[in-house]
Amino acid sequence: MTGALAGRSTSLLLDATIRAFADIKLIVPSLVAAIAGAGWYRERRLRQDNTRHMAPRIERLEKRMDPKRSSSALTKEGKTNPMDREA
């Protein structure tokens, strides 16, 4: 008996899933939004990594130009210092 039903529940589930997402008006905007979101997140991480990588060099160059220069108090990622947000 189980041999006759083997694979049917999977097929039924797949058919229901395809029908739920078959409407092109739902698939295309969802796909575009997912790709845009992934691209935004990747670009954001790359920018933060680059800022973190360049921070020591920029700090050295600023100190060389003006040794009395004070820090901007940004984090190494370029974010606002959490202490500044409370003020």
N, C-alpha and C. Protein backbone atom coordinates (compact mmCIF):
# COMPACT_ATOMS: atom_id res chain seq x y z
N MET A 1 0.82 -1.20 0.00
CA MET A 1 0.00 0.00 0.00
C MET A 1 0.86 1.26 0.00
N THR A 2 1.94 1.26 0.79
CA THR A 2 2.77 2.46 0.83
C THR A 2 3.50 2.69 -0.49
N GLY A 3 3.73 1.62 -1.25
CA GLY A 3 4.39 1.77 -2.56
C GLY A 3 3.52 2.56 -3.52
N ALA A 4 2.21 2.43 -3.44
CA ALA A 4 1.30 3.13 -4.34
C ALA A 4 1.22 4.61 -4.02
N LEU A 5 1.51 4.99 -2.78
CA LEU A 5 1.43 6.40 -2.38
C LEU A 5 2.79 7.09 -2.37
N ALA A 6 3.83 6.34 -2.63
CA ALA A 6 5.18 6.91 -2.57
C ALA A 6 5.34 8.04 -3.58
N GLY A 7 5.77 9.18 -3.08
CA GLY A 7 6.02 10.33 -3.94
C GLY A 7 4.81 11.20 -4.20
N ARG A 8 3.62 10.75 -3.88
CA ARG A 8 2.42 11.53 -4.17
C ARG A 8 2.29 12.77 -3.30
N SER A 9 2.62 12.66 -2.02
CA SER A 9 2.49 13.83 -1.15
C SER A 9 3.48 14.91 -1.56
N THR A 10 4.67 14.51 -2.00
CA THR A 10 5.65 15.48 -2.48
C THR A 10 5.15 16.16 -3.73
N SER A 11 4.57 15.40 -4.64
CA SER A 11 4.04 15.95 -5.87
C SER A 11 2.89 16.91 -5.58
N LEU A 12 2.04 16.54 -4.64
CA LEU A 12 0.92 17.39 -4.27
C LEU A 12 1.40 18.70 -3.65
N LEU A 13 2.39 18.61 -2.79
CA LEU A 13 2.94 19.80 -2.17
C LEU A 13 3.58 20.71 -3.21
N LEU A 14 4.33 20.14 -4.14
CA LEU A 14 4.97 20.92 -5.19
C LEU A 14 3.92 21.59 -6.06
N ASP A 15 2.86 20.87 -6.41
CA ASP A 15 1.79 21.43 -7.23
C ASP A 15 1.12 22.60 -6.51
N ALA A 16 0.86 22.46 -5.22
CA ALA A 16 0.24 23.55 -4.45
C ALA A 16 1.16 24.76 -4.38
N THR A 17 2.45 24.52 -4.22
CA THR A 17 3.41 25.62 -4.16
C THR A 17 3.49 26.36 -5.49
N ILE A 18 3.54 25.61 -6.57
CA ILE A 18 3.61 26.24 -7.90
C ILE A 18 2.35 27.06 -8.16
N ARG A 19 1.20 26.54 -7.79
CA ARG A 19 -0.04 27.29 -8.00
C ARG A 19 -0.08 28.57 -7.15
N ALA A 20 0.47 28.49 -5.96
CA ALA A 20 0.45 29.67 -5.08
C ALA A 20 1.33 30.78 -5.63
N PHE A 21 2.44 30.41 -6.28
CA PHE A 21 3.36 31.43 -6.78
C PHE A 21 3.35 31.58 -8.30
N ALA A 22 2.39 30.96 -8.97
CA ALA A 22 2.35 30.98 -10.42
C ALA A 22 1.96 32.34 -10.98
N ASP A 23 1.30 33.15 -10.20
CA ASP A 23 0.87 34.45 -10.69
C ASP A 23 2.08 35.33 -10.94
N ILE A 24 2.29 35.70 -12.17
CA ILE A 24 3.46 36.49 -12.56
C ILE A 24 3.49 37.86 -11.87
N LYS A 25 2.33 38.36 -11.50
CA LYS A 25 2.27 39.65 -10.82
C LYS A 25 2.87 39.58 -9.42
N LEU A 26 2.99 38.39 -8.88
CA LEU A 26 3.60 38.22 -7.57
C LEU A 26 5.07 37.85 -7.68
N ILE A 27 5.42 37.04 -8.67
CA ILE A 27 6.79 36.53 -8.80
C ILE A 27 7.77 37.63 -9.18
N VAL A 28 7.46 38.41 -10.21
CA VAL A 28 8.41 39.41 -10.70
C VAL A 28 8.72 40.47 -9.66
N PRO A 29 7.75 41.12 -9.04
CA PRO A 29 8.09 42.13 -8.03
C PRO A 29 8.84 41.53 -6.83
N SER A 30 8.47 40.31 -6.45
CA SER A 30 9.16 39.67 -5.33
C SER A 30 10.61 39.38 -5.68
N LEU A 31 10.85 38.92 -6.89
CA LEU A 31 12.20 38.64 -7.34
C LEU A 31 13.03 39.92 -7.43
N VAL A 32 12.45 40.97 -7.99
CA VAL A 32 13.16 42.25 -8.08
C VAL A 32 13.48 42.79 -6.68
N ALA A 33 12.54 42.71 -5.77
CA ALA A 33 12.77 43.19 -4.40
C ALA A 33 13.85 42.38 -3.70
N ALA A 34 13.85 41.07 -3.90
CA ALA A 34 14.86 40.22 -3.28
C ALA A 34 16.25 40.52 -3.83
N ILE A 35 16.36 40.69 -5.13
CA ILE A 35 17.66 41.00 -5.74
C ILE A 35 18.14 42.38 -5.30
N ALA A 36 17.25 43.36 -5.26
CA ALA A 36 17.63 44.71 -4.82
C ALA A 36 18.06 44.69 -3.36
N GLY A 37 17.35 43.97 -2.52
CA GLY A 37 17.71 43.87 -1.11
C GLY A 37 19.05 43.22 -0.90
N ALA A 38 19.31 42.15 -1.64
CA ALA A 38 20.61 41.47 -1.54
C ALA A 38 21.74 42.37 -2.02
N GLY A 39 21.50 43.10 -3.09
CA GLY A 39 22.51 44.03 -3.60
C GLY A 39 22.79 45.15 -2.63
N TRP A 40 21.74 45.70 -2.02
CA TRP A 40 21.91 46.76 -1.04
C TRP A 40 22.73 46.26 0.15
N TYR A 41 22.40 45.08 0.64
CA TYR A 41 23.11 44.55 1.80
C TYR A 41 24.58 44.30 1.47
N ARG A 42 24.85 43.74 0.30
CA ARG A 42 26.24 43.49 -0.10
C ARG A 42 27.02 44.78 -0.23
N GLU A 43 26.45 45.78 -0.86
CA GLU A 43 27.12 47.07 -1.01
C GLU A 43 27.39 47.72 0.35
N ARG A 44 26.44 47.61 1.24
CA ARG A 44 26.59 48.18 2.58
C ARG A 44 27.75 47.52 3.33
N ARG A 45 27.82 46.18 3.27
CA ARG A 45 28.90 45.46 3.93
C ARG A 45 30.26 45.80 3.32
N LEU A 46 30.32 45.92 1.99
CA LEU A 46 31.57 46.28 1.34
C LEU A 46 32.03 47.67 1.76
N ARG A 47 31.09 48.61 1.83
CA ARG A 47 31.43 49.98 2.23
C ARG A 47 31.93 50.01 3.67
N GLN A 48 31.28 49.27 4.56
CA GLN A 48 31.73 49.23 5.96
C GLN A 48 33.09 48.56 6.09
N ASP A 49 33.32 47.49 5.34
CA ASP A 49 34.62 46.83 5.37
C ASP A 49 35.72 47.75 4.86
N ASN A 50 35.43 48.48 3.79
CA ASN A 50 36.40 49.42 3.24
C ASN A 50 36.69 50.55 4.23
N THR A 51 35.68 51.06 4.87
CA THR A 51 35.86 52.12 5.86
C THR A 51 36.70 51.62 7.03
N ARG A 52 36.42 50.41 7.49
CA ARG A 52 37.18 49.81 8.59
C ARG A 52 38.64 49.62 8.18
N HIS A 53 38.87 49.22 6.95
CA HIS A 53 40.22 48.97 6.44
C HIS A 53 41.01 50.29 6.31
N MET A 54 40.34 51.34 5.87
CA MET A 54 41.02 52.62 5.60
C MET A 54 41.14 53.52 6.83
N ALA A 55 40.40 53.26 7.88
CA ALA A 55 40.36 54.15 9.05
C ALA A 55 41.74 54.43 9.65
N PRO A 56 42.58 53.43 9.88
CA PRO A 56 43.89 53.74 10.46
C PRO A 56 44.74 54.63 9.56
N ARG A 57 44.70 54.39 8.26
CA ARG A 57 45.48 55.21 7.33
C ARG A 57 44.99 56.66 7.34
N ILE A 58 43.69 56.84 7.29
CA ILE A 58 43.13 58.19 7.29
C ILE A 58 43.48 58.90 8.59
N GLU A 59 43.41 58.21 9.70
CA GLU A 59 43.76 58.79 10.99
C GLU A 59 45.23 59.24 11.01
N ARG A 60 46.13 58.41 10.48
CA ARG A 60 47.55 58.79 10.41
C ARG A 60 47.76 60.03 9.56
N LEU A 61 47.09 60.07 8.40
CA LEU A 61 47.25 61.22 7.51
C LEU A 61 46.71 62.50 8.15
N GLU A 62 45.58 62.40 8.84
CA GLU A 62 45.01 63.58 9.51
C GLU A 62 45.93 64.06 10.62
N LYS A 63 46.50 63.15 11.38
CA LYS A 63 47.42 63.54 12.46
C LYS A 63 48.69 64.17 11.89
N ARG A 64 49.14 63.69 10.73
CA ARG A 64 50.33 64.27 10.10
C ARG A 64 50.07 65.71 9.66
N MET A 65 48.88 65.97 9.15
CA MET A 65 48.56 67.32 8.69
C MET A 65 48.31 68.26 9.86
N ASP A 66 47.64 67.77 10.90
CA ASP A 66 47.33 68.61 12.06
C ASP A 66 47.41 67.74 13.32
N PRO A 67 48.55 67.75 14.02
CA PRO A 67 48.72 66.90 15.21
C PRO A 67 47.73 67.22 16.33
N LYS A 68 47.20 68.43 16.36
CA LYS A 68 46.26 68.81 17.42
C LYS A 68 44.80 68.47 17.06
N ARG A 69 44.63 67.90 15.91
CA ARG A 69 43.29 67.55 15.47
C ARG A 69 42.65 66.54 16.42
N SER A 70 41.38 66.77 16.76
CA SER A 70 40.68 65.83 17.64
C SER A 70 39.93 64.81 16.78
N SER A 71 39.63 63.70 17.38
CA SER A 71 38.95 62.62 16.68
C SER A 71 37.49 63.00 16.44
N SER A 72 36.91 62.44 15.38
CA SER A 72 35.49 62.68 15.11
C SER A 72 34.61 61.79 15.97
N ALA A 73 35.22 60.86 16.68
CA ALA A 73 34.52 59.92 17.58
C ALA A 73 33.63 58.95 16.83
N LEU A 74 33.88 58.75 15.54
CA LEU A 74 33.16 57.72 14.81
C LEU A 74 33.80 56.38 15.10
N THR A 75 33.02 55.32 14.96
CA THR A 75 33.59 53.99 15.13
C THR A 75 34.45 53.67 13.92
N LYS A 76 35.18 52.58 13.97
CA LYS A 76 36.03 52.19 12.83
C LYS A 76 35.21 51.85 11.60
N GLU A 77 33.94 51.51 11.78
CA GLU A 77 33.05 51.22 10.66
C GLU A 77 32.43 52.48 10.07
N GLY A 78 32.69 53.63 10.69
CA GLY A 78 32.12 54.88 10.22
C GLY A 78 30.77 55.21 10.82
N LYS A 79 30.37 54.44 11.82
CA LYS A 79 29.07 54.68 12.46
C LYS A 79 29.23 55.70 13.60
N THR A 80 28.11 56.30 13.98
CA THR A 80 28.12 57.24 15.09
C THR A 80 28.45 56.52 16.37
N ASN A 81 29.28 57.16 17.20
CA ASN A 81 29.64 56.59 18.48
C ASN A 81 28.37 56.43 19.33
N PRO A 82 28.14 55.27 19.93
CA PRO A 82 26.93 55.06 20.73
C PRO A 82 26.79 56.10 21.87
N MET A 83 27.91 56.60 22.39
CA MET A 83 27.83 57.61 23.45
C MET A 83 27.22 58.91 22.94
N ASP A 84 27.43 59.23 21.64
CA ASP A 84 26.89 60.46 21.06
C ASP A 84 25.38 60.37 20.85
N ARG A 85 24.86 59.20 20.67
CA ARG A 85 23.42 59.03 20.43
C ARG A 85 22.60 59.35 21.66
N GLU A 86 23.16 59.12 22.83
CA GLU A 86 22.43 59.36 24.07
C GLU A 86 22.28 60.85 24.36
N ALA A 87 23.17 61.64 23.87
CA ALA A 87 23.16 63.08 24.17
C ALA A 87 22.06 63.79 23.44
